């Protein structure tokens, strides 16, 4: 089965930077379009950054120019470099495939995510 483990979240001041990591097992991420998803408090989870097997990336307007998604096939992982963080970036971050997320026993699979809090 697929396992996704996110890490790197922390409490950071506005304007600060963080690097999130996602370690995958049970599948080769090189076979999929992968992305980072953000869930703000009380909001629906949505993608913010995508990368395909060829390295093509896509970002929402809210993070474009501030976030950079990357992949490391040798370690079967993806990363999100976050800079100039804003309070609205606060929330849980998850990695997964796109547009359909990985399945486990017939249901959508999500890891535990990693929490980012941007506050003074």
PDB file of N, CA and C in Angstrom:
ATOM      1  N   UNK A   1       0.825  -1.176   0.000  1.00  0.00           N
ATOM      2  CA  UNK A   1       0.000   0.000   0.000  1.00  0.00           C
ATOM      3  C   UNK A   1       0.877   1.249   0.000  1.00  0.00           C
ATOM      4  N   UNK A   2       0.299   2.340  -0.490  1.00  0.00           N
ATOM      5  CA  UNK A   2       1.007   3.614  -0.529  1.00  0.00           C
ATOM      6  C   UNK A   2       1.080   4.202   0.874  1.00  0.00           C
ATOM      7  N   UNK A   3       2.254   4.745   1.202  1.00  0.00           N
ATOM      8  CA  UNK A   3       2.434   5.492   2.437  1.00  0.00           C
ATOM      9  C   UNK A   3       3.071   6.832   2.108  1.00  0.00           C
ATOM     10  N   UNK A   4       2.531   7.901   2.670  1.00  0.00           N
ATOM     11  CA  UNK A   4       3.029   9.250   2.461  1.00  0.00           C
ATOM     12  C   UNK A   4       3.291   9.880   3.817  1.00  0.00           C
ATOM     13  N   UNK A   5       4.507  10.364   4.028  1.00  0.00           N
ATOM     14  CA  UNK A   5       4.890  10.961   5.302  1.00  0.00           C
ATOM     15  C   UNK A   5       5.410  12.361   5.043  1.00  0.00           C
ATOM     16  N   UNK A   6       4.662  13.353   5.514  1.00  0.00           N
ATOM     17  CA  UNK A   6       5.044  14.754   5.361  1.00  0.00           C
ATOM     18  C   UNK A   6       5.799  15.231   6.599  1.00  0.00           C
ATOM     19  N   UNK A   7       6.729  16.156   6.395  1.00  0.00           N
ATOM     20  CA  UNK A   7       7.494  16.707   7.504  1.00  0.00           C
ATOM     21  C   UNK A   7       7.981  18.107   7.146  1.00  0.00           C
ATOM     22  N   UNK A   8       8.474  18.822   8.140  1.00  0.00           N
ATOM     23  CA  UNK A   8       9.077  20.128   7.931  1.00  0.00           C
ATOM     24  C   UNK A   8       8.247  21.308   8.390  1.00  0.00           C
ATOM     25  N   UNK A   9       6.993  21.093   8.741  1.00  0.00           N
ATOM     26  CA  UNK A   9       6.155  22.188   9.195  1.00  0.00           C
ATOM     27  C   UNK A   9       6.606  22.724  10.540  1.00  0.00           C
ATOM     28  N   UNK A  10       6.306  24.005  10.780  1.00  0.00           N
ATOM     29  CA  UNK A  10       6.731  24.662  12.011  1.00  0.00           C
ATOM     30  C   UNK A  10       5.976  25.964  12.191  1.00  0.00           C
ATOM     31  N   UNK A  11       6.182  26.579  13.352  1.00  0.00           N
ATOM     32  CA  UNK A  11       5.731  27.941  13.599  1.00  0.00           C
ATOM     33  C   UNK A  11       6.783  28.891  13.060  1.00  0.00           C
ATOM     34  N   UNK A  12       6.382  29.830  12.204  1.00  0.00           N
ATOM     35  CA  UNK A  12       7.319  30.747  11.580  1.00  0.00           C
ATOM     36  C   UNK A  12       6.693  32.132  11.505  1.00  0.00           C
ATOM     37  N   UNK A  13       7.522  33.165  11.562  1.00  0.00           N
ATOM     38  CA  UNK A  13       7.037  34.538  11.465  1.00  0.00           C
ATOM     39  C   UNK A  13       6.731  34.911  10.017  1.00  0.00           C
ATOM     40  N   UNK A  14       5.811  35.863   9.799  1.00  0.00           N
ATOM     41  CA  UNK A  14       5.574  36.335   8.440  1.00  0.00           C
ATOM     42  C   UNK A  14       6.872  36.771   7.765  1.00  0.00           C
ATOM     43  N   UNK A  15       7.015  36.396   6.493  1.00  0.00           N
ATOM     44  CA  UNK A  15       8.232  36.684   5.755  1.00  0.00           C
ATOM     45  C   UNK A  15       9.288  35.610   5.859  1.00  0.00           C
ATOM     46  N   UNK A  16       9.069  34.638   6.722  1.00  0.00           N
ATOM     47  CA  UNK A  16      10.030  33.566   6.909  1.00  0.00           C
ATOM     48  C   UNK A  16       9.935  32.499   5.841  1.00  0.00           C
ATOM     49  N   UNK A  17      10.759  31.459   5.997  1.00  0.00           N
ATOM     50  CA  UNK A  17      10.842  30.379   5.027  1.00  0.00           C
ATOM     51  C   UNK A  17      10.778  29.023   5.709  1.00  0.00           C
ATOM     52  N   UNK A  18      10.282  28.032   4.976  1.00  0.00           N
ATOM     53  CA  UNK A  18      10.258  26.649   5.412  1.00  0.00           C
ATOM     54  C   UNK A  18      10.468  25.743   4.212  1.00  0.00           C
ATOM     55  N   UNK A  19      10.942  24.536   4.471  1.00  0.00           N
ATOM     56  CA  UNK A  19      11.067  23.508   3.445  1.00  0.00           C
ATOM     57  C   UNK A  19      10.315  22.271   3.922  1.00  0.00           C
ATOM     58  N   UNK A  20       9.262  21.913   3.199  1.00  0.00           N
ATOM     59  CA  UNK A  20       8.478  20.734   3.511  1.00  0.00           C
ATOM     60  C   UNK A  20       8.966  19.550   2.684  1.00  0.00           C
ATOM     61  N   UNK A  21       8.875  18.361   3.265  1.00  0.00           N
ATOM     62  CA  UNK A  21       9.282  17.147   2.578  1.00  0.00           C
ATOM     63  C   UNK A  21       8.178  16.109   2.648  1.00  0.00           C
ATOM     64  N   UNK A  22       8.118  15.263   1.633  1.00  0.00           N
ATOM     65  CA  UNK A  22       7.154  14.172   1.563  1.00  0.00           C
ATOM     66  C   UNK A  22       7.880  12.926   1.104  1.00  0.00           C
ATOM     67  N   UNK A  23       7.940  11.936   1.964  1.00  0.00           N
ATOM     68  CA  UNK A  23       8.559  10.660   1.637  1.00  0.00           C
ATOM     69  C   UNK A  23       7.478   9.648   1.288  1.00  0.00           C
ATOM     70  N   UNK A  24       7.590   9.051   0.117  1.00  0.00           N
ATOM     71  CA  UNK A  24       6.602   8.087  -0.357  1.00  0.00           C
ATOM     72  C   UNK A  24       7.182   6.686  -0.359  1.00  0.00           C
ATOM     73  N   UNK A  25       6.331   5.713  -0.090  1.00  0.00           N
ATOM     74  CA  UNK A  25       6.702   4.313  -0.189  1.00  0.00           C
ATOM     75  C   UNK A  25       5.522   3.535  -0.757  1.00  0.00           C
ATOM     76  N   UNK A  26       5.804   2.376  -1.319  1.00  0.00           N
ATOM     77  CA  UNK A  26       4.755   1.558  -1.889  1.00  0.00           C
ATOM     78  C   UNK A  26       4.401   1.891  -3.329  1.00  0.00           C
ATOM     79  N   UNK A  27       4.971   2.953  -3.866  1.00  0.00           N
ATOM     80  CA  UNK A  27       4.769   3.341  -5.252  1.00  0.00           C
ATOM     81  C   UNK A  27       5.926   4.223  -5.684  1.00  0.00           C
ATOM     82  N   UNK A  28       6.145   4.295  -6.981  1.00  0.00           N
ATOM     83  CA  UNK A  28       7.184   5.168  -7.523  1.00  0.00           C
ATOM     84  C   UNK A  28       6.536   6.461  -7.982  1.00  0.00           C
ATOM     85  N   UNK A  29       6.917   7.581  -7.362  1.00  0.00           N
ATOM     86  CA  UNK A  29       6.274   8.847  -7.676  1.00  0.00           C
ATOM     87  C   UNK A  29       6.582   9.319  -9.080  1.00  0.00           C
ATOM     88  N   UNK A  30       7.618   8.770  -9.710  1.00  0.00           N
ATOM     89  CA  UNK A  30       7.945   9.132 -11.081  1.00  0.00           C
ATOM     90  C   UNK A  30       6.836   8.765 -12.058  1.00  0.00           C
ATOM     91  N   UNK A  31       5.916   7.905 -11.651  1.00  0.00           N
ATOM     92  CA  UNK A  31       4.819   7.472 -12.505  1.00  0.00           C
ATOM     93  C   UNK A  31       3.624   8.419 -12.475  1.00  0.00           C
ATOM     94  N   UNK A  32       3.642   9.399 -11.587  1.00  0.00           N
ATOM     95  CA  UNK A  32       2.452  10.209 -11.340  1.00  0.00           C
ATOM     96  C   UNK A  32       2.740  11.704 -11.376  1.00  0.00           C
ATOM     97  N   UNK A  33       1.694  12.454 -11.692  1.00  0.00           N
ATOM     98  CA  UNK A  33       1.642  13.880 -11.401  1.00  0.00           C
ATOM     99  C   UNK A  33       1.475  13.979  -9.883  1.00  0.00           C
ATOM    100  N   UNK A  34       2.345  14.734  -9.211  1.00  0.00           N
ATOM    101  CA  UNK A  34       2.306  14.862  -7.762  1.00  0.00           C
ATOM    102  C   UNK A  34       2.067  16.309  -7.366  1.00  0.00           C
ATOM    103  N   UNK A  35       1.535  16.484  -6.171  1.00  0.00           N
ATOM    104  CA  UNK A  35       1.262  17.838  -5.722  1.00  0.00           C
ATOM    105  C   UNK A  35       1.272  17.994  -4.221  1.00  0.00           C
ATOM    106  N   UNK A  36       1.327  19.252  -3.811  1.00  0.00           N
ATOM    107  CA  UNK A  36       1.134  19.633  -2.424  1.00  0.00           C
ATOM    108  C   UNK A  36      -0.249  20.253  -2.288  1.00  0.00           C
ATOM    109  N   UNK A  37      -0.958  19.834  -1.262  1.00  0.00           N
ATOM    110  CA  UNK A  37      -2.295  20.317  -0.964  1.00  0.00           C
ATOM    111  C   UNK A  37      -2.275  21.082   0.352  1.00  0.00           C
ATOM    112  N   UNK A  38      -3.041  22.161   0.411  1.00  0.00           N
ATOM    113  CA  UNK A  38      -3.123  23.003   1.596  1.00  0.00           C
ATOM    114  C   UNK A  38      -4.551  23.002   2.120  1.00  0.00           C
ATOM    115  N   UNK A  39      -4.675  22.846   3.427  1.00  0.00           N
ATOM    116  CA  UNK A  39      -5.977  22.946   4.076  1.00  0.00           C
ATOM    117  C   UNK A  39      -5.883  23.978   5.195  1.00  0.00           C
ATOM    118  N   UNK A  40      -6.421  25.160   4.928  1.00  0.00           N
ATOM    119  CA  UNK A  40      -6.461  26.207   5.935  1.00  0.00           C
ATOM    120  C   UNK A  40      -7.510  25.859   6.983  1.00  0.00           C
ATOM    121  N   UNK A  41      -7.382  26.404   8.198  1.00  0.00           N
ATOM    122  CA  UNK A  41      -8.371  26.121   9.244  1.00  0.00           C
ATOM    123  C   UNK A  41      -9.789  26.432   8.782  1.00  0.00           C
ATOM    124  N   UNK A  42     -10.680  25.459   8.900  1.00  0.00           N
ATOM    125  CA  UNK A  42     -12.063  25.638   8.506  1.00  0.00           C
ATOM    126  C   UNK A  42     -12.314  25.679   7.020  1.00  0.00           C
ATOM    127  N   UNK A  43     -11.307  25.384   6.203  1.00  0.00           N
ATOM    128  CA  UNK A  43     -11.436  25.451   4.752  1.00  0.00           C
ATOM    129  C   UNK A  43     -11.265  24.078   4.117  1.00  0.00           C
ATOM    130  N   UNK A  44     -11.690  23.970   2.867  1.00  0.00           N
ATOM    131  CA  UNK A  44     -11.540  22.743   2.105  1.00  0.00           C
ATOM    132  C   UNK A  44     -10.101  22.588   1.623  1.00  0.00           C
ATOM    133  N   UNK A  45      -9.638  21.375   1.566  1.00  0.00           N
ATOM    134  CA  UNK A  45      -8.288  21.084   1.084  1.00  0.00           C
ATOM    135  C   UNK A  45      -8.204  21.337  -0.421  1.00  0.00           C
ATOM    136  N   UNK A  46      -7.137  21.998  -0.867  1.00  0.00           N
ATOM    137  CA  UNK A  46      -6.960  22.286  -2.278  1.00  0.00           C
ATOM    138  C   UNK A  46      -5.482  22.272  -2.632  1.00  0.00           C
ATOM    139  N   UNK A  47      -5.190  21.981  -3.904  1.00  0.00           N
ATOM    140  CA  UNK A  47      -3.791  21.930  -4.330  1.00  0.00           C
ATOM    141  C   UNK A  47      -3.208  23.333  -4.446  1.00  0.00           C
ATOM    142  N   UNK A  48      -1.934  23.464  -4.187  1.00  0.00           N
ATOM    143  CA  UNK A  48      -1.239  24.735  -4.357  1.00  0.00           C
ATOM    144  C   UNK A  48      -0.048  24.621  -5.300  1.00  0.00           C
ATOM    145  N   UNK A  49       0.517  23.430  -5.475  1.00  0.00           N
ATOM    146  CA  UNK A  49       1.683  23.249  -6.334  1.00  0.00           C
ATOM    147  C   UNK A  49       1.677  21.843  -6.903  1.00  0.00           C
ATOM    148  N   UNK A  50       2.007  21.718  -8.196  1.00  0.00           N
ATOM    149  CA  UNK A  50       2.001  20.434  -8.889  1.00  0.00           C
ATOM    150  C   UNK A  50       3.301  20.243  -9.656  1.00  0.00           C
ATOM    151  N   UNK A  51       3.707  18.979  -9.820  1.00  0.00           N
ATOM    152  CA  UNK A  51       4.862  18.653 -10.641  1.00  0.00           C
ATOM    153  C   UNK A  51       4.639  17.292 -11.282  1.00  0.00           C
ATOM    154  N   UNK A  52       4.917  17.188 -12.595  1.00  0.00           N
ATOM    155  CA  UNK A  52       4.754  15.915 -13.269  1.00  0.00           C
ATOM    156  C   UNK A  52       6.093  15.203 -13.405  1.00  0.00           C
ATOM    157  N   UNK A  53       6.071  14.035 -14.036  1.00  0.00           N
ATOM    158  CA  UNK A  53       7.273  13.215 -14.120  1.00  0.00           C
ATOM    159  C   UNK A  53       8.376  13.859 -14.945  1.00  0.00           C
ATOM    160  N   UNK A  54       8.007  14.783 -15.832  1.00  0.00           N
ATOM    161  CA  UNK A  54       8.984  15.495 -16.649  1.00  0.00           C
ATOM    162  C   UNK A  54       9.509  16.755 -15.980  1.00  0.00           C
ATOM    163  N   UNK A  55       8.997  17.082 -14.793  1.00  0.00           N
ATOM    164  CA  UNK A  55       9.440  18.257 -14.082  1.00  0.00           C
ATOM    165  C   UNK A  55       8.621  19.504 -14.340  1.00  0.00           C
ATOM    166  N   UNK A  56       7.553  19.389 -15.124  1.00  0.00           N
ATOM    167  CA  UNK A  56       6.679  20.532 -15.378  1.00  0.00           C
ATOM    168  C   UNK A  56       5.913  20.878 -14.111  1.00  0.00           C
ATOM    169  N   UNK A  57       5.878  22.173 -13.765  1.00  0.00           N
ATOM    170  CA  UNK A  57       5.243  22.614 -12.529  1.00  0.00           C
ATOM    171  C   UNK A  57       4.067  23.529 -12.800  1.00  0.00           C
ATOM    172  N   UNK A  58       3.188  23.626 -11.819  1.00  0.00           N
ATOM    173  CA  UNK A  58       2.058  24.525 -11.866  1.00  0.00           C
ATOM    174  C   UNK A  58       1.763  24.981 -10.445  1.00  0.00           C
ATOM    175  N   UNK A  59       1.356  26.249 -10.291  1.00  0.00           N
ATOM    176  CA  UNK A  59       1.092  26.830  -8.987  1.00  0.00           C
ATOM    177  C   UNK A  59      -0.183  27.646  -9.016  1.00  0.00           C
ATOM    178  N   UNK A  60      -0.841  27.726  -7.877  1.00  0.00           N
ATOM    179  CA  UNK A  60      -1.937  28.664  -7.750  1.00  0.00           C
ATOM    180  C   UNK A  60      -1.367  30.076  -7.692  1.00  0.00           C
ATOM    181  N   UNK A  61      -2.191  31.055  -8.070  1.00  0.00           N
ATOM    182  CA  UNK A  61      -1.731  32.437  -8.076  1.00  0.00           C
ATOM    183  C   UNK A  61      -1.287  32.900  -6.686  1.00  0.00           C
ATOM    184  N   UNK A  62      -1.896  32.371  -5.658  1.00  0.00           N
ATOM    185  CA  UNK A  62      -1.604  32.814  -4.307  1.00  0.00           C
ATOM    186  C   UNK A  62      -0.189  32.463  -3.848  1.00  0.00           C
ATOM    187  N   UNK A  63       0.417  31.421  -4.427  1.00  0.00           N
ATOM    188  CA  UNK A  63       1.753  31.003  -4.003  1.00  0.00           C
ATOM    189  C   UNK A  63       2.807  31.200  -5.086  1.00  0.00           C
ATOM    190  N   UNK A  64       2.404  31.517  -6.300  1.00  0.00           N
ATOM    191  CA  UNK A  64       3.342  31.671  -7.408  1.00  0.00           C
ATOM    192  C   UNK A  64       4.386  32.737  -7.080  1.00  0.00           C
ATOM    193  N   UNK A  65       5.646  32.406  -7.312  1.00  0.00           N
ATOM    194  CA  UNK A  65       6.739  33.310  -7.007  1.00  0.00           C
ATOM    195  C   UNK A  65       7.266  33.191  -5.603  1.00  0.00           C
ATOM    196  N   UNK A  66       6.545  32.482  -4.734  1.00  0.00           N
ATOM    197  CA  UNK A  66       6.961  32.302  -3.352  1.00  0.00           C
ATOM    198  C   UNK A  66       7.283  30.851  -3.019  1.00  0.00           C
ATOM    199  N   UNK A  67       6.573  29.910  -3.631  1.00  0.00           N
ATOM    200  CA  UNK A  67       6.768  28.485  -3.370  1.00  0.00           C
ATOM    201  C   UNK A  67       7.408  27.818  -4.576  1.00  0.00           C
ATOM    202  N   UNK A  68       8.229  26.807  -4.326  1.00  0.00           N
ATOM    203  CA  UNK A  68       8.826  26.011  -5.387  1.00  0.00           C
ATOM    204  C   UNK A  68       8.693  24.535  -5.044  1.00  0.00           C
ATOM    205  N   UNK A  69       8.057  23.772  -5.933  1.00  0.00           N
ATOM    206  CA  UNK A  69       7.927  22.332  -5.747  1.00  0.00           C
ATOM    207  C   UNK A  69       9.051  21.630  -6.503  1.00  0.00           C
ATOM    208  N   UNK A  70       9.564  20.568  -5.930  1.00  0.00           N
ATOM    209  CA  UNK A  70      10.615  19.791  -6.570  1.00  0.00           C
ATOM    210  C   UNK A  70      10.440  18.315  -6.228  1.00  0.00           C
ATOM    211  N   UNK A  71      11.152  17.467  -6.953  1.00  0.00           N
ATOM    212  CA  UNK A  71      11.077  16.030  -6.712  1.00  0.00           C
ATOM    213  C   UNK A  71      12.473  15.422  -6.666  1.00  0.00           C
ATOM    214  N   UNK A  72      12.598  14.335  -5.960  1.00  0.00           N
ATOM    215  CA  UNK A  72      13.850  13.602  -5.853  1.00  0.00           C
ATOM    216  C   UNK A  72      13.522  12.138  -6.093  1.00  0.00           C
ATOM    217  N   UNK A  73      13.665  11.694  -7.347  1.00  0.00           N
ATOM    218  CA  UNK A  73      13.299  10.325  -7.695  1.00  0.00           C
ATOM    219  C   UNK A  73      14.164   9.298  -6.969  1.00  0.00           C
ATOM    220  N   UNK A  74      15.437   9.636  -6.719  1.00  0.00           N
ATOM    221  CA  UNK A  74      16.327   8.687  -6.055  1.00  0.00           C
ATOM    222  C   UNK A  74      15.867   8.376  -4.638  1.00  0.00           C
ATOM    223  N   UNK A  75      15.200   9.317  -4.004  1.00  0.00           N
ATOM    224  CA  UNK A  75      14.675   9.121  -2.652  1.00  0.00           C
ATOM    225  C   UNK A  75      13.161   8.975  -2.635  1.00  0.00           C
ATOM    226  N   UNK A  76      12.544   8.964  -3.826  1.00  0.00           N
ATOM    227  CA  UNK A  76      11.101   8.805  -3.945  1.00  0.00           C
ATOM    228  C   UNK A  76      10.359   9.830  -3.088  1.00  0.00           C
ATOM    229  N   UNK A  77      10.742  11.094  -3.239  1.00  0.00           N
ATOM    230  CA  UNK A  77      10.180  12.144  -2.410  1.00  0.00           C
ATOM    231  C   UNK A  77       9.923  13.406  -3.220  1.00  0.00           C
ATOM    232  N   UNK A  78       9.077  14.269  -2.683  1.00  0.00           N
ATOM    233  CA  UNK A  78       8.876  15.601  -3.227  1.00  0.00           C
ATOM    234  C   UNK A  78       9.043  16.605  -2.098  1.00  0.00           C
ATOM    235  N   UNK A  79       9.292  17.873  -2.486  1.00  0.00           N
ATOM    236  CA  UNK A  79       9.576  18.912  -1.512  1.00  0.00           C
ATOM    237  C   UNK A  79       8.865  20.193  -1.911  1.00  0.00           C
ATOM    238  N   UNK A  80       8.675  21.055  -0.931  1.00  0.00           N
ATOM    239  CA  UNK A  80       8.081  22.359  -1.175  1.00  0.00           C
ATOM    240  C   UNK A  80       8.903  23.398  -0.433  1.00  0.00           C
ATOM    241  N   UNK A  81       9.628  24.221  -1.183  1.00  0.00           N
ATOM    242  CA  UNK A  81      10.369  25.328  -0.609  1.00  0.00           C
ATOM    243  C   UNK A  81       9.443  26.525  -0.534  1.00  0.00           C
ATOM    244  N   UNK A  82       9.211  27.024   0.668  1.00  0.00           N
ATOM    245  CA  UNK A  82       8.275  28.102   0.913  1.00  0.00           C
ATOM    246  C   UNK A  82       9.037  29.324   1.405  1.00  0.00           C
ATOM    247  N   UNK A  83       8.825  30.463   0.755  1.00  0.00           N
ATOM    248  CA  UNK A  83       9.478  31.697   1.160  1.00  0.00           C
ATOM    249  C   UNK A  83       8.455  32.818   1.256  1.00  0.00           C
ATOM    250  N   UNK A  84       8.854  33.903   1.930  1.00  0.00           N
ATOM    251  CA  UNK A  84       7.964  35.047   2.128  1.00  0.00           C
ATOM    252  C   UNK A  84       6.588  34.595   2.610  1.00  0.00           C
ATOM    253  N   UNK A  85       6.590  33.788   3.645  1.00  0.00           N
ATOM    254  CA  UNK A  85       5.345  33.211   4.141  1.00  0.00           C
ATOM    255  C   UNK A  85       4.407  34.273   4.694  1.00  0.00           C
ATOM    256  N   UNK A  86       3.114  34.034   4.469  1.00  0.00           N
ATOM    257  CA  UNK A  86       2.061  34.941   4.892  1.00  0.00           C
ATOM    258  C   UNK A  86       1.117  34.230   5.856  1.00  0.00           C
ATOM    259  N   UNK A  87       0.405  34.984   6.694  1.00  0.00           N
ATOM    260  CA  UNK A  87      -0.534  34.343   7.617  1.00  0.00           C
ATOM    261  C   UNK A  87      -1.547  33.436   6.921  1.00  0.00           C
ATOM    262  N   UNK A  88      -1.977  33.786   5.709  1.00  0.00           N
ATOM    263  CA  UNK A  88      -2.942  32.956   4.999  1.00  0.00           C
ATOM    264  C   UNK A  88      -2.366  31.627   4.526  1.00  0.00           C
ATOM    265  N   UNK A  89      -1.050  31.449   4.619  1.00  0.00           N
ATOM    266  CA  UNK A  89      -0.435  30.161   4.312  1.00  0.00           C
ATOM    267  C   UNK A  89      -0.601  29.164   5.453  1.00  0.00           C
ATOM    268  N   UNK A  90      -1.064  29.628   6.589  1.00  0.00           N
ATOM    269  CA  UNK A  90      -1.259  28.770   7.748  1.00  0.00           C
ATOM    270  C   UNK A  90      -2.205  27.611   7.431  1.00  0.00           C
ATOM    271  N   UNK A  91      -1.879  26.436   7.932  1.00  0.00           N
ATOM    272  CA  UNK A  91      -2.730  25.279   7.760  1.00  0.00           C
ATOM    273  C   UNK A  91      -1.923  24.008   7.645  1.00  0.00           C
ATOM    274  N   UNK A  92      -2.614  22.922   7.361  1.00  0.00           N
ATOM    275  CA  UNK A  92      -1.979  21.628   7.171  1.00  0.00           C
ATOM    276  C   UNK A  92      -1.618  21.428   5.707  1.00  0.00           C
ATOM    277  N   UNK A  93      -0.451  20.851   5.463  1.00  0.00           N
ATOM    278  CA  UNK A  93       0.016  20.569   4.109  1.00  0.00           C
ATOM    279  C   UNK A  93       0.173  19.070   3.912  1.00  0.00           C
ATOM    280  N   UNK A  94      -0.333  18.592   2.785  1.00  0.00           N
ATOM    281  CA  UNK A  94      -0.307  17.186   2.435  1.00  0.00           C
ATOM    282  C   UNK A  94       0.276  17.012   1.037  1.00  0.00           C
ATOM    283  N   UNK A  95       0.927  15.898   0.796  1.00  0.00           N
ATOM    284  CA  UNK A  95       1.336  15.536  -0.552  1.00  0.00           C
ATOM    285  C   UNK A  95       0.443  14.409  -1.054  1.00  0.00           C
ATOM    286  N   UNK A  96       0.284  14.335  -2.380  1.00  0.00           N
ATOM    287  CA  UNK A  96      -0.519  13.282  -2.972  1.00  0.00           C
ATOM    288  C   UNK A  96      -0.422  13.381  -4.491  1.00  0.00           C
ATOM    289  N   UNK A  97      -0.996  12.401  -5.181  1.00  0.00           N
ATOM    290  CA  UNK A  97      -1.051  12.439  -6.632  1.00  0.00           C
ATOM    291  C   UNK A  97      -2.147  13.403  -7.084  1.00  0.00           C
ATOM    292  N   UNK A  98      -2.154  13.699  -8.392  1.00  0.00           N
ATOM    293  CA  UNK A  98      -3.090  14.655  -8.967  1.00  0.00           C
ATOM    294  C   UNK A  98      -3.462  14.214 -10.369  1.00  0.00           C
ATOM    295  N   UNK A  99      -4.706  14.425 -10.803  1.00  0.00           N
ATOM    296  CA  UNK A  99      -5.846  14.954 -10.053  1.00  0.00           C
ATOM    297  C   UNK A  99      -6.514  13.953  -9.127  1.00  0.00           C
ATOM    298  N   UNK A 100      -6.357  12.653  -9.401  1.00  0.00           N
ATOM    299  CA  UNK A 100      -6.895  11.638  -8.510  1.00  0.00           C
ATOM    300  C   UNK A 100      -5.850  11.301  -7.455  1.00  0.00           C
ATOM    301  N   UNK A 101      -6.248  11.306  -6.202  1.00  0.00           N
ATOM    302  CA  UNK A 101      -5.315  10.973  -5.128  1.00  0.00           C
ATOM    303  C   UNK A 101      -5.174   9.461  -5.021  1.00  0.00           C
ATOM    304  N   UNK A 102      -4.116   9.033  -4.371  1.00  0.00           N
ATOM    305  CA  UNK A 102      -3.909   7.608  -4.164  1.00  0.00           C
ATOM    306  C   UNK A 102      -5.063   6.989  -3.389  1.00  0.00           C
ATOM    307  N   UNK A 103      -5.297   5.708  -3.665  1.00  0.00           N
ATOM    308  CA  UNK A 103      -6.354   4.961  -2.993  1.00  0.00           C
ATOM    309  C   UNK A 103      -5.753   3.907  -2.077  1.00  0.00           C
ATOM    310  N   UNK A 104      -6.441   3.631  -0.991  1.00  0.00           N
ATOM    311  CA  UNK A 104      -6.099   2.532  -0.106  1.00  0.00           C
ATOM    312  C   UNK A 104      -7.380   1.817   0.264  1.00  0.00           C
ATOM    313  N   UNK A 105      -7.499   0.573  -0.152  1.00  0.00           N
ATOM    314  CA  UNK A 105      -8.684  -0.249   0.083  1.00  0.00           C
ATOM    315  C   UNK A 105      -9.958   0.458  -0.379  1.00  0.00           C
ATOM    316  N   UNK A 106      -9.876   1.068  -1.560  1.00  0.00           N
ATOM    317  CA  UNK A 106     -11.034   1.662  -2.194  1.00  0.00           C
ATOM    318  C   UNK A 106     -11.360   3.082  -1.800  1.00  0.00           C
ATOM    319  N   UNK A 107     -10.663   3.642  -0.817  1.00  0.00           N
ATOM    320  CA  UNK A 107     -10.935   4.994  -0.349  1.00  0.00           C
ATOM    321  C   UNK A 107      -9.730   5.887  -0.575  1.00  0.00           C
ATOM    322  N   UNK A 108      -9.980   7.189  -0.662  1.00  0.00           N
ATOM    323  CA  UNK A 108      -8.896   8.159  -0.782  1.00  0.00           C
ATOM    324  C   UNK A 108      -7.939   8.004   0.384  1.00  0.00           C
ATOM    325  N   UNK A 109      -6.659   8.041   0.066  1.00  0.00           N
ATOM    326  CA  UNK A 109      -5.628   7.948   1.093  1.00  0.00           C
ATOM    327  C   UNK A 109      -4.955   9.305   1.286  1.00  0.00           C
ATOM    328  N   UNK A 110      -4.802   9.699   2.536  1.00  0.00           N
ATOM    329  CA  UNK A 110      -4.061  10.901   2.908  1.00  0.00           C
ATOM    330  C   UNK A 110      -3.143  10.578   4.075  1.00  0.00           C
ATOM    331  N   UNK A 111      -1.937  11.135   4.032  1.00  0.00           N
ATOM    332  CA  UNK A 111      -1.046  11.025   5.169  1.00  0.00           C
ATOM    333  C   UNK A 111      -1.505  11.917   6.306  1.00  0.00           C
ATOM    334  N   UNK A 112      -0.690  12.006   7.337  1.00  0.00           N
ATOM    335  CA  UNK A 112      -1.054  12.816   8.492  1.00  0.00           C
ATOM    336  C   UNK A 112      -0.860  14.311   8.256  1.00  0.00           C
ATOM    337  N   UNK A 113      -0.109  14.671   7.222  1.00  0.00           N
ATOM    338  CA  UNK A 113       0.148  16.062   6.929  1.00  0.00           C
ATOM    339  C   UNK A 113       1.179  16.668   7.874  1.00  0.00           C
ATOM    340  N   UNK A 114       1.551  17.911   7.583  1.00  0.00           N
ATOM    341  CA  UNK A 114       2.456  18.649   8.453  1.00  0.00           C
ATOM    342  C   UNK A 114       1.917  20.061   8.628  1.00  0.00           C
ATOM    343  N   UNK A 115       1.968  20.557   9.841  1.00  0.00           N
ATOM    344  CA  UNK A 115       1.320  21.818  10.190  1.00  0.00           C
ATOM    345  C   UNK A 115       2.271  23.000  10.015  1.00  0.00           C
ATOM    346  N   UNK A 116       1.787  24.015   9.314  1.00  0.00           N
ATOM    347  CA  UNK A 116       2.509  25.273   9.148  1.00  0.00           C
ATOM    348  C   UNK A 116       1.686  26.383   9.787  1.00  0.00           C
ATOM    349  N   UNK A 117       2.305  27.127  10.684  1.00  0.00           N
ATOM    350  CA  UNK A 117       1.648  28.262  11.320  1.00  0.00           C
ATOM    351  C   UNK A 117       2.499  29.503  11.104  1.00  0.00           C
ATOM    352  N   UNK A 118       1.921  30.502  10.449  1.00  0.00           N
ATOM    353  CA  UNK A 118       2.620  31.758  10.162  1.00  0.00           C
ATOM    354  C   UNK A 118       2.004  32.833  11.044  1.00  0.00           C
ATOM    355  N   UNK A 119       2.755  33.263  12.033  1.00  0.00           N
ATOM    356  CA  UNK A 119       2.238  34.199  13.020  1.00  0.00           C
ATOM    357  C   UNK A 119       3.375  34.924  13.708  1.00  0.00           C
ATOM    358  N   UNK A 120       3.092  36.160  14.148  1.00  0.00           N
ATOM    359  CA  UNK A 120       4.048  36.918  14.934  1.00  0.00           C
ATOM    360  C   UNK A 120       3.981  36.553  16.415  1.00  0.00           C
TER     361      UNK A 120
END
